[in-house]
């Protein structure tokens, strides 16, 4: 028995955009939580790396960078929102 798989390029593009939207929302939620915890500015951005969407959440000021370095604010903010605090091991 053989199975024929046909990929719908438009469907793949739509799926990828929805993943990017999800990542942007999640990143913005972490940045907002970190900001509310510390009073400093944090930001999030999503970009593409081939077929992978990547979200970076980062300190957006020198004060935020110091705060994150001293207090692990981003890690705590992600944990408060129920996100994993360690990278998954494959």
N, C-alpha and C. Protein backbone atom coordinates (compact mmCIF):
# COMPACT_ATOMS: atom_id res chain seq x y z
N UNK A 1 0.84 -1.17 0.00
CA UNK A 1 0.00 0.00 0.00
C UNK A 1 0.89 1.24 0.00
N UNK A 2 0.63 2.16 -0.88
CA UNK A 2 1.42 3.40 -0.93
C UNK A 2 0.49 4.59 -0.67
N UNK A 3 1.08 5.60 -0.13
CA UNK A 3 0.34 6.81 0.19
C UNK A 3 0.95 7.97 -0.57
N UNK A 4 0.12 8.74 -1.22
CA UNK A 4 0.59 9.91 -1.94
C UNK A 4 0.26 11.15 -1.10
N UNK A 5 1.27 11.95 -0.85
CA UNK A 5 1.09 13.17 -0.06
C UNK A 5 1.33 14.35 -0.97
N UNK A 6 0.39 15.26 -0.98
CA UNK A 6 0.53 16.47 -1.78
C UNK A 6 0.51 17.66 -0.83
N UNK A 7 1.53 18.50 -0.94
CA UNK A 7 1.64 19.65 -0.06
C UNK A 7 0.97 20.86 -0.71
N UNK A 8 0.17 21.54 0.10
CA UNK A 8 -0.51 22.74 -0.34
C UNK A 8 0.34 23.94 0.10
N UNK A 9 1.09 24.57 -0.83
CA UNK A 9 1.98 25.67 -0.44
C UNK A 9 1.26 26.83 0.25
N UNK A 10 0.06 27.14 -0.19
CA UNK A 10 -0.69 28.23 0.44
C UNK A 10 -1.05 27.86 1.88
N UNK A 11 -1.43 26.61 2.09
CA UNK A 11 -1.76 26.14 3.44
C UNK A 11 -0.55 26.18 4.36
N UNK A 12 0.61 25.81 3.83
CA UNK A 12 1.84 25.84 4.63
C UNK A 12 2.16 27.29 5.00
N UNK A 13 2.01 28.21 4.06
CA UNK A 13 2.27 29.63 4.33
C UNK A 13 1.32 30.16 5.40
N UNK A 14 0.04 29.79 5.33
CA UNK A 14 -0.93 30.23 6.33
C UNK A 14 -0.59 29.68 7.71
N UNK A 15 -0.20 28.41 7.76
CA UNK A 15 0.19 27.80 9.02
C UNK A 15 1.39 28.52 9.61
N UNK A 16 2.37 28.80 8.79
CA UNK A 16 3.58 29.48 9.25
C UNK A 16 3.25 30.86 9.80
N UNK A 17 2.36 31.59 9.13
CA UNK A 17 1.96 32.92 9.61
C UNK A 17 1.24 32.82 10.95
N UNK A 18 0.42 31.78 11.13
CA UNK A 18 -0.29 31.64 12.39
C UNK A 18 0.69 31.31 13.52
N UNK A 19 1.73 30.54 13.23
CA UNK A 19 2.75 30.23 14.23
C UNK A 19 3.49 31.51 14.60
N UNK A 20 3.82 32.33 13.61
CA UNK A 20 4.50 33.60 13.88
C UNK A 20 3.62 34.49 14.76
N UNK A 21 2.34 34.55 14.47
CA UNK A 21 1.42 35.36 15.28
C UNK A 21 1.38 34.87 16.72
N UNK A 22 1.31 33.55 16.88
CA UNK A 22 1.30 32.97 18.22
C UNK A 22 2.58 33.32 18.97
N UNK A 23 3.71 33.18 18.29
CA UNK A 23 4.99 33.48 18.94
C UNK A 23 5.08 34.96 19.31
N UNK A 24 4.59 35.84 18.45
CA UNK A 24 4.63 37.27 18.75
C UNK A 24 3.78 37.58 19.98
N UNK A 25 2.60 37.00 20.05
CA UNK A 25 1.72 37.23 21.21
C UNK A 25 2.36 36.69 22.49
N UNK A 26 2.95 35.50 22.41
CA UNK A 26 3.59 34.90 23.58
C UNK A 26 4.79 35.75 24.02
N UNK A 27 5.58 36.18 23.07
CA UNK A 27 6.74 37.01 23.39
C UNK A 27 6.35 38.34 24.00
N UNK A 28 5.31 38.95 23.46
CA UNK A 28 4.83 40.22 24.01
C UNK A 28 4.28 40.04 25.42
N UNK A 29 3.65 38.90 25.67
CA UNK A 29 3.14 38.62 27.02
C UNK A 29 4.29 38.50 28.02
N UNK A 30 5.35 37.81 27.63
CA UNK A 30 6.52 37.68 28.52
C UNK A 30 7.16 39.05 28.75
N UNK A 31 7.31 39.84 27.67
CA UNK A 31 7.91 41.17 27.80
C UNK A 31 7.07 42.06 28.71
N UNK A 32 5.76 42.00 28.56
CA UNK A 32 4.87 42.81 29.40
C UNK A 32 4.96 42.39 30.86
N UNK A 33 5.00 41.08 31.11
CA UNK A 33 5.10 40.58 32.48
C UNK A 33 6.42 41.00 33.10
N UNK A 34 7.51 40.88 32.34
CA UNK A 34 8.83 41.28 32.85
C UNK A 34 8.83 42.78 33.16
N UNK A 35 8.21 43.57 32.30
CA UNK A 35 8.13 45.01 32.53
C UNK A 35 7.34 45.35 33.77
N UNK A 36 6.25 44.63 33.99
CA UNK A 36 5.43 44.90 35.18
C UNK A 36 6.13 44.44 36.45
N UNK A 37 6.97 43.44 36.35
CA UNK A 37 7.71 42.95 37.52
C UNK A 37 8.82 43.91 37.93
N UNK A 38 9.41 44.58 36.93
CA UNK A 38 10.62 45.36 37.20
C UNK A 38 10.47 46.85 37.00
N UNK A 39 9.46 47.26 36.24
CA UNK A 39 9.33 48.67 35.91
C UNK A 39 10.27 49.09 34.79
N UNK A 40 10.93 48.13 34.17
CA UNK A 40 11.87 48.41 33.07
C UNK A 40 11.23 48.02 31.74
N UNK A 41 11.90 48.40 30.63
CA UNK A 41 11.37 48.13 29.29
C UNK A 41 11.95 46.83 28.73
N UNK A 42 11.04 45.93 28.34
CA UNK A 42 11.39 44.69 27.65
C UNK A 42 10.60 44.66 26.34
N UNK A 43 11.12 43.96 25.34
CA UNK A 43 10.46 43.91 24.04
C UNK A 43 10.56 42.51 23.46
N UNK A 44 9.77 42.27 22.40
CA UNK A 44 9.79 40.97 21.71
C UNK A 44 9.76 41.20 20.22
N UNK A 45 10.42 40.33 19.48
CA UNK A 45 10.37 40.39 18.02
C UNK A 45 10.43 38.97 17.46
N UNK A 46 9.79 38.79 16.31
CA UNK A 46 9.77 37.49 15.63
C UNK A 46 10.45 37.65 14.29
N UNK A 47 11.27 36.67 13.93
CA UNK A 47 11.88 36.66 12.60
C UNK A 47 11.95 35.23 12.08
N UNK A 48 12.23 35.11 10.80
CA UNK A 48 12.31 33.81 10.15
C UNK A 48 13.76 33.38 10.01
N UNK A 49 13.98 32.10 10.18
CA UNK A 49 15.29 31.49 9.93
C UNK A 49 15.02 30.23 9.12
N UNK A 50 14.96 30.40 7.82
CA UNK A 50 14.60 29.28 6.95
C UNK A 50 13.14 28.92 7.17
N UNK A 51 12.88 27.69 7.56
CA UNK A 51 11.51 27.25 7.82
C UNK A 51 11.18 27.28 9.31
N UNK A 52 11.92 28.09 10.06
CA UNK A 52 11.72 28.19 11.50
C UNK A 52 11.39 29.62 11.87
N UNK A 53 10.39 29.80 12.70
CA UNK A 53 10.07 31.13 13.24
C UNK A 53 10.70 31.21 14.62
N UNK A 54 11.35 32.33 14.89
CA UNK A 54 12.05 32.51 16.16
C UNK A 54 11.55 33.79 16.82
N UNK A 55 11.23 33.69 18.11
CA UNK A 55 10.82 34.86 18.88
C UNK A 55 11.91 35.16 19.90
N UNK A 56 12.38 36.38 19.89
CA UNK A 56 13.35 36.84 20.88
C UNK A 56 12.66 37.83 21.81
N UNK A 57 12.81 37.63 23.10
CA UNK A 57 12.34 38.58 24.10
C UNK A 57 13.60 39.09 24.79
N UNK A 58 13.73 40.41 24.90
CA UNK A 58 14.99 40.98 25.32
C UNK A 58 14.79 42.27 26.12
N UNK A 59 15.79 42.63 26.94
CA UNK A 59 15.75 43.91 27.64
C UNK A 59 15.86 45.03 26.60
N UNK A 60 15.03 46.05 26.72
CA UNK A 60 14.99 47.13 25.74
C UNK A 60 15.59 48.43 26.28
N UNK A 61 16.34 48.33 27.36
CA UNK A 61 17.03 49.50 27.92
C UNK A 61 18.20 48.99 28.76
N UNK A 62 19.11 49.90 29.09
CA UNK A 62 20.24 49.51 29.94
C UNK A 62 19.76 49.08 31.32
N UNK A 63 18.76 49.78 31.83
CA UNK A 63 18.20 49.42 33.13
C UNK A 63 17.59 48.03 33.12
N UNK A 64 16.90 47.70 32.03
CA UNK A 64 16.30 46.37 31.91
C UNK A 64 17.38 45.29 31.80
N UNK A 65 18.46 45.60 31.09
CA UNK A 65 19.56 44.64 30.96
C UNK A 65 20.18 44.36 32.33
N UNK A 66 20.39 45.42 33.12
CA UNK A 66 20.94 45.23 34.47
C UNK A 66 19.96 44.43 35.33
N UNK A 67 18.67 44.81 35.25
CA UNK A 67 17.66 44.11 36.04
C UNK A 67 17.61 42.63 35.68
N UNK A 68 17.62 42.32 34.39
CA UNK A 68 17.55 40.92 33.97
C UNK A 68 18.79 40.16 34.40
N UNK A 69 19.95 40.81 34.32
CA UNK A 69 21.20 40.16 34.72
C UNK A 69 21.20 39.85 36.22
N UNK A 70 20.70 40.77 37.01
CA UNK A 70 20.70 40.59 38.46
C UNK A 70 19.59 39.66 38.95
N UNK A 71 18.42 39.72 38.31
CA UNK A 71 17.23 39.06 38.85
C UNK A 71 16.63 37.96 37.98
N UNK A 72 17.21 37.68 36.80
CA UNK A 72 16.62 36.70 35.88
C UNK A 72 15.15 37.01 35.59
N UNK A 73 14.86 38.27 35.36
CA UNK A 73 13.48 38.73 35.21
C UNK A 73 12.77 38.04 34.06
N UNK A 74 13.43 37.90 32.91
CA UNK A 74 12.77 37.26 31.77
C UNK A 74 12.44 35.80 32.06
N UNK A 75 13.34 35.10 32.69
CA UNK A 75 13.10 33.70 33.04
C UNK A 75 11.92 33.58 34.01
N UNK A 76 11.89 34.46 35.00
CA UNK A 76 10.79 34.44 35.96
C UNK A 76 9.47 34.82 35.30
N UNK A 77 9.51 35.79 34.39
CA UNK A 77 8.29 36.22 33.70
C UNK A 77 7.74 35.09 32.85
N UNK A 78 8.60 34.37 32.16
CA UNK A 78 8.15 33.23 31.34
C UNK A 78 7.56 32.15 32.24
N UNK A 79 8.18 31.89 33.37
CA UNK A 79 7.67 30.89 34.30
C UNK A 79 6.33 31.28 34.89
N UNK A 80 6.15 32.57 35.20
CA UNK A 80 4.88 33.05 35.73
C UNK A 80 3.74 32.83 34.75
N UNK A 81 4.07 32.83 33.46
CA UNK A 81 3.04 32.64 32.43
C UNK A 81 2.89 31.18 32.03
N UNK A 82 3.56 30.28 32.77
CA UNK A 82 3.42 28.85 32.51
C UNK A 82 4.28 28.33 31.38
N UNK A 83 5.28 29.08 30.97
CA UNK A 83 6.16 28.65 29.88
C UNK A 83 7.34 27.90 30.47
N UNK A 84 7.93 26.99 29.71
CA UNK A 84 9.08 26.23 30.21
C UNK A 84 10.23 27.16 30.56
N UNK A 85 10.93 26.84 31.62
CA UNK A 85 12.07 27.66 32.04
C UNK A 85 13.40 27.07 31.59
N UNK A 86 13.37 25.96 30.91
CA UNK A 86 14.60 25.38 30.36
C UNK A 86 14.33 24.99 28.92
N UNK A 87 15.39 24.87 28.16
CA UNK A 87 15.26 24.43 26.78
C UNK A 87 14.95 22.94 26.74
N UNK A 88 14.07 22.52 25.83
CA UNK A 88 13.81 21.07 25.73
C UNK A 88 15.03 20.35 25.15
N UNK A 89 15.25 19.14 25.59
CA UNK A 89 16.35 18.32 25.07
C UNK A 89 15.76 17.33 24.08
N UNK A 90 16.32 17.31 22.89
CA UNK A 90 15.81 16.40 21.86
C UNK A 90 16.59 15.11 21.87
